[in-house]
Amino acid sequence: MMPDTKAVLIGFSPRQIGPCPDMAAALGVEEVCSVSACIAKGPTHWINFWRHNDLWLFSSPDLAWSVVPQTERLGFRLFACQLFPIRVNEPIQTDFPIPDLNVEPPDETFISLGYDVVCRPLGTEFGCSPLYCKQLA
């Protein structure tokens, strides 16, 4: 069930978008875009710059691009990420408090690509997408 609340902008993420895996291509998928690091990799050693916000994304496009070496930028696309402030641990849904992140609004070049469900294990990045990784889409 979709929450009766609005998604909150939580930051920007530069991601490598590679060729679509055979499984998805067979279904007519052209590319898979996700915050999940197992699907679309972020820049190497981005965390070492310590420029991310409390949700491990970047609060502006400039900060996000600053962790991608100039020579590698053509291989990346920049995504603005929103989050519904809920946490689901079947069968319980609870509020997920989002800290004040002071995220710069995206400009008119950003378009909505859709929604995904991701896990957030104990690490710094978003985890697997059941829609893609578990082939539930």
N, C-alpha and C. Protein backbone atom coordinates (compact mmCIF):
# COMPACT_ATOMS: atom_id res chain seq x y z
N MET A 1 0.85 -1.17 0.00
CA MET A 1 0.00 0.00 0.00
C MET A 1 0.89 1.24 0.00
N MET A 2 0.59 2.20 -0.87
CA MET A 2 1.36 3.43 -0.94
C MET A 2 1.02 4.29 0.28
N PRO A 3 2.03 4.84 0.94
CA PRO A 3 1.77 5.65 2.13
C PRO A 3 1.01 6.92 1.77
N ASP A 4 0.26 7.43 2.72
CA ASP A 4 -0.48 8.66 2.53
C ASP A 4 0.41 9.84 2.91
N THR A 5 1.54 9.91 2.25
CA THR A 5 2.52 10.95 2.51
C THR A 5 3.30 11.20 1.24
N LYS A 6 4.07 12.24 1.22
CA LYS A 6 4.84 12.59 0.04
C LYS A 6 6.28 12.11 0.18
N ALA A 7 6.88 11.83 -0.95
CA ALA A 7 8.29 11.47 -0.96
C ALA A 7 9.11 12.71 -0.64
N VAL A 8 10.22 12.52 0.04
CA VAL A 8 11.10 13.60 0.45
C VAL A 8 12.42 13.48 -0.32
N LEU A 9 12.87 14.57 -0.89
CA LEU A 9 14.16 14.59 -1.58
C LEU A 9 15.27 14.37 -0.55
N ILE A 10 16.09 13.34 -0.77
CA ILE A 10 17.13 13.01 0.21
C ILE A 10 18.54 13.19 -0.34
N GLY A 11 18.68 13.50 -1.63
CA GLY A 11 20.01 13.76 -2.14
C GLY A 11 20.21 13.29 -3.57
N PHE A 12 21.45 13.40 -4.00
CA PHE A 12 21.85 13.07 -5.37
C PHE A 12 22.88 11.94 -5.35
N SER A 13 22.85 11.13 -6.39
CA SER A 13 23.77 10.00 -6.45
C SER A 13 24.27 9.80 -7.88
N PRO A 14 25.60 9.89 -8.08
CA PRO A 14 26.14 9.56 -9.40
C PRO A 14 26.24 8.04 -9.53
N ARG A 15 25.76 7.51 -10.64
CA ARG A 15 25.74 6.05 -10.85
C ARG A 15 26.19 5.70 -12.26
N GLN A 16 26.90 4.57 -12.35
CA GLN A 16 27.27 4.01 -13.64
C GLN A 16 26.10 3.20 -14.15
N ILE A 17 25.72 3.44 -15.37
CA ILE A 17 24.65 2.66 -15.98
C ILE A 17 25.28 1.84 -17.09
N GLY A 18 25.32 0.54 -16.90
CA GLY A 18 25.95 -0.34 -17.88
C GLY A 18 24.93 -1.01 -18.76
N PRO A 19 25.37 -1.96 -19.54
CA PRO A 19 24.45 -2.70 -20.39
C PRO A 19 23.41 -3.44 -19.56
N CYS A 20 22.25 -3.56 -20.10
CA CYS A 20 21.16 -4.26 -19.42
C CYS A 20 21.46 -5.75 -19.40
N PRO A 21 21.35 -6.41 -18.26
CA PRO A 21 21.57 -7.86 -18.20
C PRO A 21 20.59 -8.61 -19.10
N ASP A 22 21.00 -9.77 -19.57
CA ASP A 22 20.20 -10.56 -20.51
C ASP A 22 18.78 -10.82 -20.01
N MET A 23 18.66 -11.12 -18.71
CA MET A 23 17.34 -11.42 -18.14
C MET A 23 16.37 -10.27 -18.37
N ALA A 24 16.81 -9.05 -18.08
CA ALA A 24 15.94 -7.88 -18.23
C ALA A 24 15.77 -7.51 -19.70
N ALA A 25 16.83 -7.61 -20.47
CA ALA A 25 16.75 -7.28 -21.89
C ALA A 25 15.73 -8.15 -22.61
N ALA A 26 15.63 -9.40 -22.20
CA ALA A 26 14.66 -10.31 -22.81
C ALA A 26 13.23 -9.84 -22.57
N LEU A 27 13.03 -9.04 -21.53
CA LEU A 27 11.70 -8.51 -21.22
C LEU A 27 11.46 -7.14 -21.85
N GLY A 28 12.42 -6.66 -22.64
CA GLY A 28 12.28 -5.36 -23.29
C GLY A 28 12.84 -4.20 -22.50
N VAL A 29 13.53 -4.48 -21.41
CA VAL A 29 14.12 -3.42 -20.59
C VAL A 29 15.38 -2.91 -21.27
N GLU A 30 15.52 -1.60 -21.37
CA GLU A 30 16.68 -1.02 -22.02
C GLU A 30 17.79 -0.68 -21.04
N GLU A 31 17.44 -0.22 -19.85
CA GLU A 31 18.44 0.06 -18.82
C GLU A 31 17.78 -0.03 -17.45
N VAL A 32 18.58 -0.33 -16.46
CA VAL A 32 18.10 -0.43 -15.09
C VAL A 32 18.76 0.68 -14.29
N CYS A 33 17.94 1.53 -13.71
CA CYS A 33 18.45 2.65 -12.90
C CYS A 33 17.99 2.42 -11.46
N SER A 34 18.92 2.44 -10.55
CA SER A 34 18.58 2.14 -9.16
C SER A 34 19.61 2.76 -8.23
N VAL A 35 19.21 3.01 -6.99
CA VAL A 35 20.17 3.44 -5.98
C VAL A 35 20.94 2.26 -5.42
N SER A 36 20.53 1.06 -5.78
CA SER A 36 21.19 -0.14 -5.30
C SER A 36 22.58 -0.27 -5.91
N ALA A 37 23.58 -0.42 -5.07
CA ALA A 37 24.96 -0.52 -5.55
C ALA A 37 25.23 -1.82 -6.30
N CYS A 38 24.37 -2.81 -6.11
CA CYS A 38 24.58 -4.06 -6.83
C CYS A 38 24.11 -3.96 -8.28
N ILE A 39 23.34 -2.95 -8.60
CA ILE A 39 22.82 -2.77 -9.95
C ILE A 39 23.58 -1.67 -10.68
N ALA A 40 23.70 -0.52 -10.05
CA ALA A 40 24.35 0.64 -10.66
C ALA A 40 25.43 1.14 -9.70
N LYS A 41 26.66 0.91 -10.03
CA LYS A 41 27.78 1.25 -9.14
C LYS A 41 27.98 2.76 -9.02
N GLY A 42 28.39 3.15 -7.84
CA GLY A 42 28.78 4.54 -7.62
C GLY A 42 30.27 4.69 -7.88
N PRO A 43 30.79 5.91 -7.74
CA PRO A 43 32.22 6.12 -7.96
C PRO A 43 33.07 5.39 -6.92
N THR A 44 34.22 4.95 -7.33
CA THR A 44 35.15 4.28 -6.43
C THR A 44 35.64 5.27 -5.36
N HIS A 45 35.68 4.84 -4.14
CA HIS A 45 36.23 5.61 -3.01
C HIS A 45 35.46 6.89 -2.71
N TRP A 46 34.19 6.97 -3.13
CA TRP A 46 33.42 8.19 -2.88
C TRP A 46 33.31 8.52 -1.40
N ILE A 47 33.25 7.51 -0.58
CA ILE A 47 33.06 7.73 0.85
C ILE A 47 34.28 8.41 1.49
N ASN A 48 35.45 8.20 0.91
CA ASN A 48 36.67 8.78 1.46
C ASN A 48 36.69 10.30 1.44
N PHE A 49 35.86 10.90 0.58
CA PHE A 49 35.80 12.37 0.49
C PHE A 49 34.97 12.97 1.62
N TRP A 50 34.11 12.16 2.21
CA TRP A 50 33.25 12.55 3.32
C TRP A 50 32.45 13.82 3.00
N ARG A 51 31.82 13.84 1.83
CA ARG A 51 31.01 14.98 1.39
C ARG A 51 29.52 14.63 1.37
N HIS A 52 29.17 13.44 1.80
CA HIS A 52 27.79 12.98 1.76
C HIS A 52 27.00 13.48 2.98
N ASN A 53 25.67 13.40 2.86
CA ASN A 53 24.82 13.81 3.97
C ASN A 53 24.53 12.61 4.90
N ASP A 54 23.62 12.80 5.84
CA ASP A 54 23.33 11.76 6.84
C ASP A 54 22.69 10.50 6.26
N LEU A 55 22.16 10.57 5.04
CA LEU A 55 21.60 9.38 4.40
C LEU A 55 22.52 8.85 3.30
N TRP A 56 23.76 9.26 3.31
CA TRP A 56 24.83 8.75 2.45
C TRP A 56 24.64 9.09 0.97
N LEU A 57 23.97 10.21 0.73
CA LEU A 57 23.85 10.78 -0.61
C LEU A 57 24.44 12.18 -0.55
N PHE A 58 24.39 12.90 -1.65
CA PHE A 58 24.99 14.23 -1.71
C PHE A 58 23.90 15.28 -1.78
N SER A 59 24.07 16.37 -1.06
CA SER A 59 23.02 17.37 -0.93
C SER A 59 22.93 18.33 -2.10
N SER A 60 23.82 18.22 -3.07
CA SER A 60 23.74 19.05 -4.27
C SER A 60 24.37 18.29 -5.44
N PRO A 61 23.98 18.64 -6.66
CA PRO A 61 24.64 18.02 -7.82
C PRO A 61 26.15 18.28 -7.84
N ASP A 62 26.56 19.48 -7.47
CA ASP A 62 28.00 19.79 -7.47
C ASP A 62 28.77 18.90 -6.51
N LEU A 63 28.24 18.67 -5.32
CA LEU A 63 28.90 17.78 -4.37
C LEU A 63 28.96 16.36 -4.91
N ALA A 64 27.87 15.91 -5.54
CA ALA A 64 27.84 14.55 -6.09
C ALA A 64 28.89 14.39 -7.19
N TRP A 65 28.96 15.35 -8.09
CA TRP A 65 29.95 15.25 -9.18
C TRP A 65 31.38 15.40 -8.66
N SER A 66 31.56 16.05 -7.51
CA SER A 66 32.91 16.29 -7.00
C SER A 66 33.63 15.01 -6.59
N VAL A 67 32.91 13.90 -6.42
CA VAL A 67 33.55 12.63 -6.03
C VAL A 67 33.78 11.71 -7.23
N VAL A 68 33.42 12.19 -8.42
CA VAL A 68 33.64 11.42 -9.65
C VAL A 68 34.82 12.05 -10.38
N PRO A 69 35.90 11.29 -10.58
CA PRO A 69 37.03 11.87 -11.32
C PRO A 69 36.59 12.39 -12.69
N GLN A 70 37.12 13.53 -13.05
CA GLN A 70 36.77 14.18 -14.32
C GLN A 70 36.89 13.22 -15.50
N THR A 71 37.90 12.39 -15.50
CA THR A 71 38.14 11.46 -16.61
C THR A 71 37.11 10.33 -16.68
N GLU A 72 36.30 10.15 -15.63
CA GLU A 72 35.32 9.07 -15.60
C GLU A 72 33.88 9.55 -15.72
N ARG A 73 33.66 10.85 -15.77
CA ARG A 73 32.29 11.39 -15.69
C ARG A 73 31.38 10.98 -16.84
N LEU A 74 31.92 10.72 -18.01
CA LEU A 74 31.07 10.30 -19.12
C LEU A 74 30.41 8.96 -18.87
N GLY A 75 30.96 8.17 -17.98
CA GLY A 75 30.40 6.86 -17.66
C GLY A 75 29.35 6.89 -16.56
N PHE A 76 29.00 8.07 -16.07
CA PHE A 76 28.06 8.21 -14.96
C PHE A 76 26.86 9.07 -15.35
N ARG A 77 25.75 8.83 -14.67
CA ARG A 77 24.58 9.71 -14.73
C ARG A 77 24.25 10.10 -13.31
N LEU A 78 23.67 11.28 -13.16
CA LEU A 78 23.34 11.78 -11.83
C LEU A 78 21.84 11.62 -11.58
N PHE A 79 21.51 11.03 -10.43
CA PHE A 79 20.12 10.81 -10.05
C PHE A 79 19.78 11.61 -8.80
N ALA A 80 18.59 12.18 -8.79
CA ALA A 80 18.04 12.80 -7.59
C ALA A 80 17.16 11.73 -6.93
N CYS A 81 17.34 11.53 -5.65
CA CYS A 81 16.65 10.43 -4.96
C CYS A 81 15.66 10.97 -3.94
N GLN A 82 14.47 10.37 -3.96
CA GLN A 82 13.44 10.69 -3.00
C GLN A 82 13.13 9.44 -2.18
N LEU A 83 12.59 9.66 -1.00
CA LEU A 83 12.29 8.55 -0.11
C LEU A 83 10.95 8.79 0.56
N PHE A 84 10.09 7.78 0.55
CA PHE A 84 8.89 7.86 1.36
C PHE A 84 9.32 7.59 2.80
N PRO A 85 8.93 8.43 3.74
CA PRO A 85 9.41 8.29 5.12
C PRO A 85 8.72 7.16 5.89
N ILE A 86 8.87 5.94 5.35
CA ILE A 86 8.31 4.77 6.03
C ILE A 86 9.35 3.66 6.06
N ARG A 87 9.17 2.79 7.02
CA ARG A 87 10.01 1.59 7.14
C ARG A 87 9.05 0.41 7.22
N VAL A 88 9.33 -0.62 6.45
CA VAL A 88 8.47 -1.80 6.46
C VAL A 88 9.29 -2.99 6.89
N ASN A 89 8.84 -3.62 7.94
CA ASN A 89 9.41 -4.86 8.42
C ASN A 89 8.22 -5.78 8.59
N GLU A 90 7.91 -6.53 7.53
CA GLU A 90 6.68 -7.31 7.45
C GLU A 90 6.31 -7.95 8.78
N PRO A 91 5.12 -7.80 9.20
CA PRO A 91 4.00 -7.12 8.57
C PRO A 91 3.80 -5.70 9.09
N ILE A 92 4.82 -5.12 9.69
CA ILE A 92 4.67 -3.83 10.37
C ILE A 92 5.26 -2.70 9.53
N GLN A 93 4.48 -1.61 9.41
CA GLN A 93 4.94 -0.39 8.75
C GLN A 93 5.04 0.70 9.80
N THR A 94 6.19 1.36 9.88
CA THR A 94 6.39 2.43 10.85
C THR A 94 6.93 3.67 10.14
N ASP A 95 6.90 4.79 10.84
CA ASP A 95 7.48 6.02 10.30
C ASP A 95 9.00 5.90 10.27
N PHE A 96 9.59 6.51 9.27
CA PHE A 96 11.05 6.59 9.18
C PHE A 96 11.41 8.06 9.22
N PRO A 97 11.94 8.53 10.35
CA PRO A 97 12.26 9.95 10.46
C PRO A 97 13.44 10.31 9.54
N ILE A 98 13.24 11.32 8.72
CA ILE A 98 14.30 11.78 7.82
C ILE A 98 14.95 13.01 8.44
N PRO A 99 16.27 12.98 8.64
CA PRO A 99 16.94 14.13 9.24
C PRO A 99 16.91 15.34 8.29
N ASP A 100 17.17 16.50 8.83
CA ASP A 100 17.27 17.71 8.00
C ASP A 100 18.54 17.60 7.17
N LEU A 101 18.38 17.46 5.86
CA LEU A 101 19.51 17.20 4.98
C LEU A 101 19.94 18.41 4.16
N ASN A 102 19.11 19.45 4.14
CA ASN A 102 19.43 20.67 3.39
C ASN A 102 19.81 20.36 1.94
N VAL A 103 18.94 19.62 1.25
CA VAL A 103 19.21 19.20 -0.12
C VAL A 103 18.74 20.28 -1.10
N GLU A 104 19.61 20.61 -2.03
CA GLU A 104 19.30 21.57 -3.09
C GLU A 104 18.26 20.97 -4.03
N PRO A 105 17.21 21.71 -4.37
CA PRO A 105 16.20 21.15 -5.29
C PRO A 105 16.81 20.86 -6.67
N PRO A 106 16.37 19.78 -7.31
CA PRO A 106 16.88 19.50 -8.65
C PRO A 106 16.35 20.51 -9.67
N ASP A 107 17.11 20.74 -10.72
CA ASP A 107 16.64 21.67 -11.75
C ASP A 107 15.71 20.95 -12.73
N GLU A 108 15.28 21.66 -13.75
CA GLU A 108 14.27 21.14 -14.68
C GLU A 108 14.79 20.03 -15.58
N THR A 109 16.08 19.75 -15.57
CA THR A 109 16.62 18.66 -16.40
C THR A 109 16.35 17.28 -15.80
N PHE A 110 16.00 17.23 -14.52
CA PHE A 110 15.70 15.94 -13.88
C PHE A 110 14.28 15.53 -14.20
N ILE A 111 14.09 14.26 -14.55
CA ILE A 111 12.77 13.72 -14.84
C ILE A 111 12.53 12.50 -13.95
N SER A 112 11.28 12.21 -13.69
CA SER A 112 10.96 11.05 -12.87
C SER A 112 11.09 9.78 -13.70
N LEU A 113 11.83 8.81 -13.17
CA LEU A 113 12.01 7.53 -13.85
C LEU A 113 11.13 6.44 -13.25
N GLY A 114 10.61 6.67 -12.06
CA GLY A 114 9.76 5.66 -11.44
C GLY A 114 10.13 5.43 -10.00
N TYR A 115 9.67 4.29 -9.51
CA TYR A 115 9.85 3.93 -8.10
C TYR A 115 10.55 2.59 -7.99
N ASP A 116 11.17 2.38 -6.86
CA ASP A 116 11.79 1.10 -6.57
C ASP A 116 11.66 0.86 -5.07
N VAL A 117 11.78 -0.36 -4.69
CA VAL A 117 11.80 -0.75 -3.29
C VAL A 117 13.21 -1.25 -3.03
N VAL A 118 13.86 -0.72 -2.01
CA VAL A 118 15.21 -1.17 -1.71
C VAL A 118 15.34 -1.44 -0.21
N CYS A 119 16.30 -2.26 0.11
CA CYS A 119 16.59 -2.50 1.52
C CYS A 119 17.72 -1.57 1.93
N ARG A 120 17.86 -1.41 3.20
CA ARG A 120 18.96 -0.61 3.73
C ARG A 120 19.60 -1.43 4.85
N PRO A 121 20.52 -2.34 4.46
CA PRO A 121 21.16 -3.14 5.50
C PRO A 121 22.06 -2.26 6.37
N LEU A 122 22.92 -2.83 7.09
CA LEU A 122 23.73 -2.08 8.05
C LEU A 122 24.83 -1.25 7.41
N GLY A 123 24.95 -1.28 6.11
CA GLY A 123 26.01 -0.55 5.43
C GLY A 123 25.66 0.90 5.15
N THR A 124 26.45 1.48 4.28
CA THR A 124 26.31 2.89 3.95
C THR A 124 25.47 3.14 2.71
N GLU A 125 25.26 2.11 1.91
CA GLU A 125 24.52 2.29 0.67
C GLU A 125 23.22 1.51 0.72
N PHE A 126 22.33 1.86 -0.20
CA PHE A 126 21.09 1.10 -0.31
C PHE A 126 21.41 -0.27 -0.87
N GLY A 127 20.67 -1.25 -0.41
CA GLY A 127 20.93 -2.63 -0.82
C GLY A 127 20.04 -3.07 -1.97
N CYS A 128 19.88 -4.34 -2.05
CA CYS A 128 19.17 -4.97 -3.17
C CYS A 128 17.76 -4.45 -3.37
N SER A 129 17.36 -4.47 -4.62
CA SER A 129 16.00 -4.15 -5.02
C SER A 129 15.27 -5.46 -5.29
N PRO A 130 14.24 -5.77 -4.51
CA PRO A 130 13.52 -7.01 -4.79
C PRO A 130 12.87 -7.01 -6.16
N LEU A 131 12.55 -5.84 -6.69
CA LEU A 131 11.94 -5.77 -8.02
C LEU A 131 12.90 -6.24 -9.09
N TYR A 132 14.18 -6.00 -8.90
CA TYR A 132 15.17 -6.39 -9.90
C TYR A 132 15.99 -7.61 -9.44
N CYS A 133 16.65 -7.48 -8.32
CA CYS A 133 17.54 -8.55 -7.85
C CYS A 133 16.81 -9.86 -7.60
N LYS A 134 15.59 -9.79 -7.14
CA LYS A 134 14.82 -10.99 -6.86
C LYS A 134 13.83 -11.30 -7.99
N GLN A 135 13.94 -10.54 -9.08
CA GLN A 135 13.14 -10.74 -10.29
C GLN A 135 11.63 -10.71 -10.00
N LEU A 136 11.21 -9.74 -9.18
CA LEU A 136 9.79 -9.62 -8.86
C LEU A 136 9.08 -8.57 -9.71
N ALA A 137 9.82 -7.87 -10.55
CA ALA A 137 9.18 -6.82 -11.39
C ALA A 137 8.38 -7.46 -12.51
